[in-house]
Amino acid sequence: MASTEAILTALRKRFRSEGHVPHDEMDMLHETGKAPEALLYSLLFVPTLFIVDDSVLLMHGVDDAERHFLEAKRASGMPLERLEASINRVEVPFLFIDRDLDDDEERLLAEQIADAWRGALAVFCPERRFMVKVIPPEENGDVTAVEFFERRSEPG
């Protein structure tokens, strides 16, 4: 989990409006935040989840997502956990039209997304166990990703 101080440090590089007293998170939010943008970003941090054939999936813009998942499940031959992770995945910089993030900011944002998804999954399916992972750029074509899948078996 990213600390509030790490996030504030990153934001201070972008928003240099503080006076002599450093802003805390609420000061920073009040001075630079925009309510409509908070509503927009809530779609990322509190995702729409649904269940298809006993798999919990992110709903993100695929027409007929249920059919798409079932076809991929039938045709891919991938282990179910790997298939779920491939569908329940976002590449952080490609979420936005403005991709001006440095590596530290990209990682911090990915950690925040992962933490939020852990909470959303715990509320949506409290009886199930999920693995939510931040995938570093060196393992994902030079960009940070976040993914999740259901853990159906005990780790080996």
N, C-alpha and C. Protein backbone atom coordinates (compact mmCIF):
# COMPACT_ATOMS: atom_id res chain seq x y z
N MET A 1 0.85 -1.18 0.00
CA MET A 1 0.00 0.00 0.00
C MET A 1 0.89 1.24 0.00
N ALA A 2 0.56 2.18 -0.83
CA ALA A 2 1.32 3.43 -0.90
C ALA A 2 0.96 4.30 0.31
N SER A 3 1.98 4.87 0.91
CA SER A 3 1.72 5.74 2.06
C SER A 3 1.18 7.08 1.58
N THR A 4 0.43 7.72 2.45
CA THR A 4 -0.09 9.04 2.12
C THR A 4 1.06 10.00 1.86
N GLU A 5 2.14 9.87 2.62
CA GLU A 5 3.29 10.77 2.42
C GLU A 5 3.92 10.58 1.04
N ALA A 6 4.01 9.33 0.57
CA ALA A 6 4.57 9.09 -0.77
C ALA A 6 3.68 9.71 -1.84
N ILE A 7 2.39 9.61 -1.66
CA ILE A 7 1.46 10.21 -2.63
C ILE A 7 1.56 11.73 -2.59
N LEU A 8 1.60 12.30 -1.39
CA LEU A 8 1.74 13.76 -1.28
C LEU A 8 3.05 14.25 -1.89
N THR A 9 4.11 13.51 -1.71
CA THR A 9 5.39 13.88 -2.32
C THR A 9 5.27 13.93 -3.84
N ALA A 10 4.62 12.92 -4.42
CA ALA A 10 4.42 12.91 -5.87
C ALA A 10 3.54 14.06 -6.31
N LEU A 11 2.48 14.34 -5.56
CA LEU A 11 1.58 15.43 -5.93
C LEU A 11 2.25 16.79 -5.79
N ARG A 12 3.11 16.94 -4.80
CA ARG A 12 3.80 18.22 -4.61
C ARG A 12 4.68 18.56 -5.81
N LYS A 13 5.20 17.54 -6.50
CA LYS A 13 5.98 17.80 -7.70
C LYS A 13 5.10 18.39 -8.80
N ARG A 14 3.84 18.01 -8.82
CA ARG A 14 2.90 18.47 -9.87
C ARG A 14 2.21 19.77 -9.51
N PHE A 15 1.87 19.92 -8.24
CA PHE A 15 1.08 21.07 -7.78
C PHE A 15 1.90 21.86 -6.78
N ARG A 16 2.56 22.87 -7.25
CA ARG A 16 3.48 23.64 -6.40
C ARG A 16 2.79 24.88 -5.82
N SER A 17 1.67 24.72 -5.19
CA SER A 17 0.91 25.87 -4.71
C SER A 17 1.03 26.08 -3.20
N GLU A 18 1.77 25.21 -2.52
CA GLU A 18 1.86 25.32 -1.07
C GLU A 18 2.62 26.57 -0.66
N GLY A 19 2.23 27.11 0.47
CA GLY A 19 2.96 28.23 1.05
C GLY A 19 4.04 27.72 1.98
N HIS A 20 4.17 28.34 3.11
CA HIS A 20 5.20 27.97 4.08
C HIS A 20 4.85 26.70 4.84
N VAL A 21 3.59 26.40 4.96
CA VAL A 21 3.16 25.20 5.69
C VAL A 21 2.79 24.12 4.67
N PRO A 22 3.45 22.95 4.72
CA PRO A 22 3.11 21.89 3.76
C PRO A 22 1.66 21.45 3.91
N HIS A 23 1.05 21.17 2.79
CA HIS A 23 -0.34 20.73 2.78
C HIS A 23 -0.44 19.27 3.24
N ASP A 24 -1.51 18.97 3.95
CA ASP A 24 -1.83 17.56 4.18
C ASP A 24 -2.75 17.12 3.05
N GLU A 25 -3.20 15.86 3.09
CA GLU A 25 -3.98 15.35 1.97
C GLU A 25 -5.28 16.11 1.73
N MET A 26 -5.93 16.57 2.77
CA MET A 26 -7.19 17.30 2.57
C MET A 26 -6.94 18.70 2.02
N ASP A 27 -5.85 19.35 2.45
CA ASP A 27 -5.50 20.65 1.89
C ASP A 27 -5.21 20.52 0.39
N MET A 28 -4.44 19.48 0.05
CA MET A 28 -4.08 19.26 -1.36
C MET A 28 -5.33 19.00 -2.19
N LEU A 29 -6.22 18.19 -1.68
CA LEU A 29 -7.46 17.88 -2.37
C LEU A 29 -8.30 19.14 -2.56
N HIS A 30 -8.43 19.93 -1.49
CA HIS A 30 -9.23 21.15 -1.56
C HIS A 30 -8.65 22.16 -2.56
N GLU A 31 -7.34 22.30 -2.55
CA GLU A 31 -6.73 23.34 -3.37
C GLU A 31 -6.62 22.97 -4.85
N THR A 32 -6.44 21.69 -5.15
CA THR A 32 -6.17 21.32 -6.55
C THR A 32 -7.22 20.39 -7.15
N GLY A 33 -8.04 19.78 -6.33
CA GLY A 33 -8.98 18.78 -6.83
C GLY A 33 -10.20 19.38 -7.49
N LYS A 34 -10.81 18.57 -8.35
CA LYS A 34 -12.05 18.96 -9.03
C LYS A 34 -13.05 17.84 -8.85
N ALA A 35 -14.21 18.18 -8.30
CA ALA A 35 -15.22 17.17 -7.97
C ALA A 35 -15.63 16.31 -9.17
N PRO A 36 -15.87 16.88 -10.37
CA PRO A 36 -16.23 16.00 -11.50
C PRO A 36 -15.14 14.99 -11.83
N GLU A 37 -13.88 15.37 -11.67
CA GLU A 37 -12.80 14.42 -11.92
C GLU A 37 -12.79 13.30 -10.87
N ALA A 38 -13.11 13.65 -9.63
CA ALA A 38 -13.19 12.61 -8.59
C ALA A 38 -14.26 11.59 -8.95
N LEU A 39 -15.37 12.07 -9.46
CA LEU A 39 -16.44 11.17 -9.88
C LEU A 39 -15.96 10.28 -11.04
N LEU A 40 -15.26 10.87 -11.98
CA LEU A 40 -14.71 10.10 -13.10
C LEU A 40 -13.76 9.01 -12.60
N TYR A 41 -12.84 9.36 -11.72
CA TYR A 41 -11.84 8.40 -11.25
C TYR A 41 -12.43 7.34 -10.32
N SER A 42 -13.58 7.62 -9.76
CA SER A 42 -14.23 6.59 -8.93
C SER A 42 -14.54 5.34 -9.75
N LEU A 43 -14.74 5.50 -11.07
CA LEU A 43 -14.98 4.35 -11.94
C LEU A 43 -13.79 3.40 -11.94
N LEU A 44 -12.60 3.93 -11.75
CA LEU A 44 -11.39 3.13 -11.72
C LEU A 44 -11.18 2.48 -10.35
N PHE A 45 -11.42 3.23 -9.30
CA PHE A 45 -11.13 2.75 -7.95
C PHE A 45 -12.24 1.89 -7.36
N VAL A 46 -13.44 2.06 -7.84
CA VAL A 46 -14.57 1.23 -7.40
C VAL A 46 -15.18 0.64 -8.67
N PRO A 47 -14.54 -0.40 -9.20
CA PRO A 47 -14.95 -0.93 -10.51
C PRO A 47 -16.27 -1.69 -10.44
N THR A 48 -16.90 -1.79 -11.59
CA THR A 48 -18.08 -2.63 -11.72
C THR A 48 -17.60 -4.06 -11.91
N LEU A 49 -18.07 -4.94 -11.05
CA LEU A 49 -17.71 -6.35 -11.09
C LEU A 49 -18.94 -7.17 -11.40
N PHE A 50 -18.77 -8.29 -12.09
CA PHE A 50 -19.89 -9.19 -12.35
C PHE A 50 -19.36 -10.60 -12.39
N ILE A 51 -20.27 -11.55 -12.32
CA ILE A 51 -19.89 -12.96 -12.29
C ILE A 51 -20.38 -13.63 -13.57
N VAL A 52 -19.46 -14.33 -14.23
CA VAL A 52 -19.77 -15.11 -15.43
C VAL A 52 -19.20 -16.50 -15.22
N ASP A 53 -20.06 -17.49 -15.26
CA ASP A 53 -19.61 -18.88 -15.14
C ASP A 53 -18.69 -19.06 -13.93
N ASP A 54 -19.09 -18.47 -12.81
CA ASP A 54 -18.39 -18.54 -11.53
C ASP A 54 -17.06 -17.80 -11.49
N SER A 55 -16.77 -16.95 -12.47
CA SER A 55 -15.57 -16.11 -12.46
C SER A 55 -15.98 -14.66 -12.23
N VAL A 56 -15.28 -13.98 -11.35
CA VAL A 56 -15.51 -12.56 -11.10
C VAL A 56 -14.68 -11.77 -12.10
N LEU A 57 -15.37 -10.88 -12.82
CA LEU A 57 -14.73 -10.13 -13.89
C LEU A 57 -14.97 -8.64 -13.74
N LEU A 58 -14.01 -7.87 -14.24
CA LEU A 58 -14.16 -6.42 -14.37
C LEU A 58 -15.04 -6.14 -15.57
N MET A 59 -15.94 -5.22 -15.41
CA MET A 59 -16.73 -4.76 -16.55
C MET A 59 -16.00 -3.54 -17.08
N HIS A 60 -15.38 -3.67 -18.24
CA HIS A 60 -14.76 -2.47 -18.79
C HIS A 60 -14.90 -2.42 -20.30
N GLY A 61 -16.07 -1.96 -20.67
CA GLY A 61 -16.32 -1.52 -22.02
C GLY A 61 -16.39 -2.55 -23.12
N VAL A 62 -16.38 -3.82 -22.82
CA VAL A 62 -16.46 -4.82 -23.88
C VAL A 62 -17.94 -5.15 -24.10
N ASP A 63 -18.41 -4.92 -25.33
CA ASP A 63 -19.77 -5.31 -25.64
C ASP A 63 -19.87 -6.82 -25.53
N ASP A 64 -20.91 -7.27 -24.91
CA ASP A 64 -21.15 -8.70 -24.73
C ASP A 64 -19.96 -9.38 -24.03
N ALA A 65 -19.56 -8.81 -22.90
CA ALA A 65 -18.41 -9.31 -22.15
C ALA A 65 -18.59 -10.76 -21.72
N GLU A 66 -19.82 -11.14 -21.41
CA GLU A 66 -20.06 -12.53 -20.99
C GLU A 66 -19.70 -13.49 -22.12
N ARG A 67 -20.19 -13.22 -23.31
CA ARG A 67 -19.90 -14.09 -24.45
C ARG A 67 -18.39 -14.10 -24.75
N HIS A 68 -17.76 -12.94 -24.68
CA HIS A 68 -16.33 -12.82 -24.93
C HIS A 68 -15.53 -13.70 -23.94
N PHE A 69 -15.89 -13.63 -22.67
CA PHE A 69 -15.18 -14.44 -21.67
C PHE A 69 -15.41 -15.93 -21.90
N LEU A 70 -16.65 -16.32 -22.14
CA LEU A 70 -16.94 -17.75 -22.33
C LEU A 70 -16.23 -18.31 -23.57
N GLU A 71 -16.17 -17.52 -24.64
CA GLU A 71 -15.44 -17.97 -25.84
C GLU A 71 -13.96 -18.10 -25.54
N ALA A 72 -13.40 -17.13 -24.82
CA ALA A 72 -11.97 -17.18 -24.49
C ALA A 72 -11.69 -18.36 -23.56
N LYS A 73 -12.59 -18.63 -22.65
CA LYS A 73 -12.41 -19.75 -21.71
C LYS A 73 -12.41 -21.07 -22.47
N ARG A 74 -13.30 -21.19 -23.42
CA ARG A 74 -13.42 -22.42 -24.21
C ARG A 74 -12.23 -22.59 -25.16
N ALA A 75 -11.78 -21.51 -25.77
CA ALA A 75 -10.78 -21.62 -26.83
C ALA A 75 -9.34 -21.50 -26.36
N SER A 76 -9.09 -20.84 -25.24
CA SER A 76 -7.71 -20.48 -24.90
C SER A 76 -6.87 -21.64 -24.38
N GLY A 77 -7.46 -22.53 -23.63
CA GLY A 77 -6.69 -23.59 -23.00
C GLY A 77 -5.83 -23.10 -21.84
N MET A 78 -5.95 -21.83 -21.50
CA MET A 78 -5.22 -21.24 -20.39
C MET A 78 -5.79 -21.72 -19.07
N PRO A 79 -4.98 -21.84 -18.03
CA PRO A 79 -5.55 -22.06 -16.70
C PRO A 79 -6.51 -20.92 -16.36
N LEU A 80 -7.57 -21.25 -15.63
CA LEU A 80 -8.60 -20.26 -15.34
C LEU A 80 -8.04 -19.02 -14.65
N GLU A 81 -7.14 -19.20 -13.69
CA GLU A 81 -6.56 -18.04 -13.00
C GLU A 81 -5.86 -17.11 -13.99
N ARG A 82 -5.12 -17.67 -14.93
CA ARG A 82 -4.39 -16.86 -15.91
C ARG A 82 -5.36 -16.14 -16.85
N LEU A 83 -6.43 -16.83 -17.25
CA LEU A 83 -7.44 -16.21 -18.11
C LEU A 83 -8.12 -15.05 -17.39
N GLU A 84 -8.53 -15.28 -16.13
CA GLU A 84 -9.15 -14.20 -15.36
C GLU A 84 -8.21 -13.01 -15.24
N ALA A 85 -6.93 -13.27 -14.93
CA ALA A 85 -5.97 -12.18 -14.79
C ALA A 85 -5.82 -11.40 -16.09
N SER A 86 -5.86 -12.09 -17.22
CA SER A 86 -5.70 -11.41 -18.51
C SER A 86 -6.89 -10.51 -18.82
N ILE A 87 -8.05 -10.89 -18.35
CA ILE A 87 -9.25 -10.07 -18.58
C ILE A 87 -9.38 -8.98 -17.52
N ASN A 88 -9.03 -9.32 -16.28
CA ASN A 88 -9.15 -8.38 -15.16
C ASN A 88 -7.83 -7.62 -15.00
N ARG A 89 -7.46 -6.90 -16.04
CA ARG A 89 -6.15 -6.27 -16.10
C ARG A 89 -6.27 -4.89 -16.74
N VAL A 90 -5.56 -3.94 -16.16
CA VAL A 90 -5.43 -2.62 -16.78
C VAL A 90 -3.95 -2.26 -16.83
N GLU A 91 -3.55 -1.62 -17.90
CA GLU A 91 -2.20 -1.07 -18.00
C GLU A 91 -2.32 0.40 -17.67
N VAL A 92 -1.71 0.79 -16.57
CA VAL A 92 -1.95 2.08 -15.95
C VAL A 92 -1.80 3.27 -16.90
N PRO A 93 -0.70 3.43 -17.62
CA PRO A 93 -0.60 4.64 -18.43
C PRO A 93 -1.65 4.73 -19.54
N PHE A 94 -2.13 3.58 -20.02
CA PHE A 94 -3.08 3.59 -21.12
C PHE A 94 -4.53 3.84 -20.68
N LEU A 95 -4.72 4.06 -19.39
CA LEU A 95 -6.05 4.41 -18.89
C LEU A 95 -6.41 5.86 -19.20
N PHE A 96 -5.41 6.67 -19.50
CA PHE A 96 -5.60 8.12 -19.56
C PHE A 96 -5.10 8.69 -20.88
N ILE A 97 -5.72 9.78 -21.29
CA ILE A 97 -5.24 10.48 -22.47
C ILE A 97 -3.94 11.21 -22.14
N ASP A 98 -3.81 11.72 -20.91
CA ASP A 98 -2.58 12.37 -20.45
C ASP A 98 -1.75 11.31 -19.75
N ARG A 99 -0.69 10.86 -20.40
CA ARG A 99 0.14 9.76 -19.87
C ARG A 99 1.43 10.28 -19.26
N ASP A 100 1.40 11.50 -18.81
CA ASP A 100 2.60 12.14 -18.27
C ASP A 100 2.84 11.69 -16.83
N LEU A 101 3.23 10.42 -16.66
CA LEU A 101 3.57 9.87 -15.35
C LEU A 101 5.02 9.43 -15.36
N ASP A 102 5.74 9.73 -14.28
CA ASP A 102 7.07 9.14 -14.19
C ASP A 102 6.91 7.75 -13.56
N ASP A 103 7.99 7.00 -13.49
CA ASP A 103 7.92 5.61 -13.00
C ASP A 103 7.37 5.52 -11.59
N ASP A 104 7.80 6.44 -10.71
CA ASP A 104 7.31 6.42 -9.32
C ASP A 104 5.81 6.71 -9.25
N GLU A 105 5.36 7.68 -10.03
CA GLU A 105 3.94 8.02 -10.05
C GLU A 105 3.11 6.86 -10.60
N GLU A 106 3.61 6.23 -11.64
CA GLU A 106 2.91 5.09 -12.24
C GLU A 106 2.76 3.96 -11.21
N ARG A 107 3.84 3.68 -10.48
CA ARG A 107 3.81 2.63 -9.45
C ARG A 107 2.85 3.00 -8.31
N LEU A 108 2.92 4.26 -7.85
CA LEU A 108 2.01 4.70 -6.78
C LEU A 108 0.55 4.57 -7.19
N LEU A 109 0.24 5.00 -8.40
CA LEU A 109 -1.14 4.90 -8.89
C LEU A 109 -1.56 3.44 -8.99
N ALA A 110 -0.69 2.59 -9.49
CA ALA A 110 -1.00 1.16 -9.59
C ALA A 110 -1.27 0.57 -8.20
N GLU A 111 -0.48 0.94 -7.23
CA GLU A 111 -0.70 0.44 -5.86
C GLU A 111 -2.04 0.91 -5.30
N GLN A 112 -2.41 2.14 -5.59
CA GLN A 112 -3.70 2.65 -5.13
C GLN A 112 -4.85 1.90 -5.80
N ILE A 113 -4.72 1.65 -7.09
CA ILE A 113 -5.74 0.89 -7.81
C ILE A 113 -5.86 -0.51 -7.21
N ALA A 114 -4.72 -1.17 -6.99
CA ALA A 114 -4.73 -2.52 -6.43
C ALA A 114 -5.38 -2.55 -5.06
N ASP A 115 -5.06 -1.59 -4.20
CA ASP A 115 -5.68 -1.54 -2.88
C ASP A 115 -7.19 -1.34 -2.97
N ALA A 116 -7.61 -0.47 -3.87
CA ALA A 116 -9.04 -0.22 -4.03
C ALA A 116 -9.75 -1.47 -4.55
N TRP A 117 -9.14 -2.16 -5.50
CA TRP A 117 -9.74 -3.39 -6.04
C TRP A 117 -9.83 -4.47 -4.96
N ARG A 118 -8.82 -4.57 -4.10
CA ARG A 118 -8.89 -5.55 -3.01
C ARG A 118 -10.12 -5.29 -2.15
N GLY A 119 -10.35 -4.03 -1.83
CA GLY A 119 -11.52 -3.67 -1.04
C GLY A 119 -12.82 -3.95 -1.77
N ALA A 120 -12.89 -3.59 -3.04
CA ALA A 120 -14.10 -3.82 -3.83
C ALA A 120 -14.40 -5.31 -3.94
N LEU A 121 -13.37 -6.12 -4.16
CA LEU A 121 -13.57 -7.57 -4.26
C LEU A 121 -14.00 -8.17 -2.92
N ALA A 122 -13.46 -7.67 -1.84
CA ALA A 122 -13.83 -8.17 -0.50
C ALA A 122 -15.29 -7.87 -0.19
N VAL A 123 -15.79 -6.76 -0.69
CA VAL A 123 -17.20 -6.41 -0.48
C VAL A 123 -18.09 -7.20 -1.44
N PHE A 124 -17.67 -7.32 -2.69
CA PHE A 124 -18.48 -7.99 -3.72
C PHE A 124 -18.61 -9.48 -3.45
N CYS A 125 -17.54 -10.13 -3.08
CA CYS A 125 -17.53 -11.58 -2.81
C CYS A 125 -16.71 -11.88 -1.57
N PRO A 126 -17.26 -11.60 -0.39
CA PRO A 126 -16.47 -11.76 0.83
C PRO A 126 -16.04 -13.19 1.11
N GLU A 127 -16.72 -14.16 0.54
CA GLU A 127 -16.40 -15.57 0.79
C GLU A 127 -15.28 -16.09 -0.12
N ARG A 128 -14.86 -15.29 -1.09
CA ARG A 128 -13.83 -15.73 -2.04
C ARG A 128 -12.50 -15.05 -1.74
N ARG A 129 -11.42 -15.69 -2.22
CA ARG A 129 -10.07 -15.14 -2.04
C ARG A 129 -9.51 -14.75 -3.41
N PHE A 130 -8.97 -13.55 -3.47
CA PHE A 130 -8.44 -13.03 -4.73
C PHE A 130 -6.97 -12.65 -4.57
N MET A 131 -6.27 -12.73 -5.66
CA MET A 131 -4.91 -12.22 -5.74
C MET A 131 -4.96 -10.99 -6.64
N VAL A 132 -4.64 -9.84 -6.07
CA VAL A 132 -4.56 -8.59 -6.84
C VAL A 132 -3.09 -8.23 -6.89
N LYS A 133 -2.57 -8.07 -8.10
CA LYS A 133 -1.14 -7.86 -8.27
C LYS A 133 -0.84 -6.61 -9.08
N VAL A 134 0.22 -5.95 -8.69
CA VAL A 134 0.81 -4.89 -9.50
C VAL A 134 1.94 -5.54 -10.28
N ILE A 135 1.87 -5.43 -11.59
CA ILE A 135 2.87 -6.02 -12.47
C ILE A 135 3.84 -4.91 -12.88
N PRO A 136 5.12 -5.04 -12.52
CA PRO A 136 6.08 -3.97 -12.83
C PRO A 136 6.39 -3.89 -14.31
N PRO A 137 6.87 -2.74 -14.76
CA PRO A 137 7.13 -2.54 -16.19
C PRO A 137 8.08 -3.57 -16.79
N GLU A 138 9.07 -3.99 -16.05
CA GLU A 138 10.04 -4.95 -16.60
C GLU A 138 9.42 -6.31 -16.89
N GLU A 139 8.23 -6.57 -16.34
CA GLU A 139 7.53 -7.83 -16.61
C GLU A 139 6.34 -7.64 -17.54
N ASN A 140 6.16 -6.41 -18.06
CA ASN A 140 4.95 -6.13 -18.83
C ASN A 140 5.20 -5.12 -19.95
N GLY A 141 6.21 -5.32 -20.74
CA GLY A 141 6.40 -4.47 -21.91
C GLY A 141 6.62 -3.01 -21.59
N ASP A 142 7.25 -2.71 -20.47
CA ASP A 142 7.65 -1.36 -20.09
C ASP A 142 6.54 -0.48 -19.51
N VAL A 143 5.40 -1.05 -19.17
CA VAL A 143 4.36 -0.30 -18.47
C VAL A 143 3.87 -1.09 -17.27
N THR A 144 3.41 -0.38 -16.25
CA THR A 144 2.88 -1.00 -15.04
C THR A 144 1.43 -1.41 -15.27
N ALA A 145 1.08 -2.59 -14.80
CA ALA A 145 -0.30 -3.09 -14.92
C ALA A 145 -0.80 -3.52 -13.55
N VAL A 146 -2.11 -3.63 -13.44
CA VAL A 146 -2.77 -4.18 -12.26
C VAL A 146 -3.72 -5.25 -12.75
N GLU A 147 -3.73 -6.39 -12.06
CA GLU A 147 -4.62 -7.48 -12.46
C GLU A 147 -5.09 -8.23 -11.23
N PHE A 148 -6.18 -9.00 -11.41
CA PHE A 148 -6.61 -9.87 -10.32
C PHE A 148 -7.19 -11.16 -10.89
N PHE A 149 -7.16 -12.18 -10.03
CA PHE A 149 -7.80 -13.45 -10.32
C PHE A 149 -8.21 -14.07 -9.00
N GLU A 150 -9.12 -15.02 -9.08
CA GLU A 150 -9.56 -15.72 -7.87
C GLU A 150 -8.59 -16.84 -7.56
N ARG A 151 -8.20 -16.94 -6.30
CA ARG A 151 -7.34 -18.03 -5.84
C ARG A 151 -8.24 -19.18 -5.43
N ARG A 152 -8.23 -20.22 -6.22
CA ARG A 152 -9.10 -21.36 -5.98
C ARG A 152 -8.41 -22.49 -5.25
N SER A 153 -7.11 -22.47 -5.21
CA SER A 153 -6.38 -23.53 -4.52
C SER A 153 -5.38 -22.90 -3.57
N GLU A 154 -4.93 -23.70 -2.62
CA GLU A 154 -3.93 -23.23 -1.68
C GLU A 154 -2.61 -23.04 -2.40
N PRO A 155 -1.87 -21.97 -2.06
CA PRO A 155 -0.56 -21.79 -2.69
C PRO A 155 0.35 -22.96 -2.34
N GLY A 156 1.17 -23.37 -3.32
CA GLY A 156 2.01 -24.54 -3.20
C GLY A 156 3.15 -24.34 -2.34
